[in-house]
Amino acid sequence: MDRFQIKTEIYYGADSMSYLNRLDGQRVVIVTDAFMATTDVMAQVRQALLNAEVTVFDRVKPNPNIEVITDAFMVFAGARPQALITLGGGSSIDTAKAVHKIAQEQGMADILFIAIPTTSGSGSEMTSYAVITNELTSTKIAMASEDMYPDVAILDPLAVLTTPPRLTADTGFDALSHAIEAYVSTGHTDFSDAMAEKALHLLFEYLPITYDDGKNLEARERVHNAACLAGMAFENAGLGIVHSLSHAIGGTFPAPHGRLNALIMPTVMEFNAGNLRVSGRLNPTALRYAQLGRMLGTTTATTRNQVAGFVGLIRHLRRDLDMPERITDLGIPPYEFVAAIPQLAQTALHDRCTDTNPREVTVGDLEALLRFLI
């Protein structure tokens, strides 16, 4: 028996922030970062919480570590809130998830947990996962618990309207990688496939628009919805070694997660599809890539060419969004990267995302993939 679940209630579209009016008279803690605390979006949240008792923790940092989570929990515990709101991107949401998990373990029950994503990428508002950085070992730890699902997600397109183009591309490629990896993972189902396919349709149509014209509210809303759909897909299906490698590299070198995914994705897709130059029957993963290519309009004579065409679509979109094609494009010195490859491969091998990659991998495979990025 299998299971597909969506535990988070979604409010989306215009005026969705008005949901917060329900918290009148309650004690509320907001977890966010220093920049987001000064934005119009925070002002909108504050206005909706005008009649609530609000405490703000605004010291979230990218790639949150144990120290940040501890500090956030101390503020949370001191406020004794009835509701926890997280406002921001994946780092803020992951921090709040960890705080909520600790609160549950400390017997603090019945705390309404609300996620308001301000980027369209991580899908973290729909998942039970949080990624925490262990700075002592330079690794990223993927936590998972049903206690970390937000109760409510608010998808307000106005919350992402001012996202700059670079961040739009980074987070958009993160969502794209979620959808593609979920579609070919060993845990995919008819239900996760439906979410992933719709997310890809929306991203290929609207992500370039949001990159070129960030004020296009319709495009912003559709990409925001796509990121959420991709989150639903991978929460239920799992991911693959795009994320395993990205987690390993990002734990060692200062590079944005979505940008790393964009760099890694075509290489991993070609690996998972097998050698397309060898005649014979294509593997199941290649056939699924071909199916996505057909869905997105690639017109080639053979299924083999449709696989290559789909990988080509990813590379073309990557160029259109000015994303990196080599590790040096991220400012990582090649000699430092080469020296780190053995440890990066070991870290990626033991990442939980590797378990659902459609093709089994060895340390040698991962080392070869990493070298191909130079």
Foldseek 3Di string as FASTA:
>chain_A
DADADFQAAEQEEPPSLLVLLVQAAWEEEEFEAPVVCPDVVVVSNCVSHVRYRYDYDHHFDPQAAPVSLVVSLVSVVVRLGQEYEYEEAQRRLLSVLSSQVVCVVVVSPNRQYEYEYLAQADLSQGAQWHWHFDLVVLFIDIDGDPSRHHRYYYHYLVSNLPPALLRLQLRLLNLLQLLLQLLQWQQHDPQLVVLSLQLVVLSVVQSLVCNVHSNPSVSSRSSNSSSNSSSSSCNRRFGALLQLLLRLVVSHDPFRSSLSSLQQVLLVLDVLQPDLVDDDDTDPSLQSLLVSLVSVPDDDDDSSVSSVVSSVSSVVVCVSSVGDHAPVVRVDPPVVQLVCLLVSLVSSLPHPRNVGGNDHDDSVRSSVSSVVRD
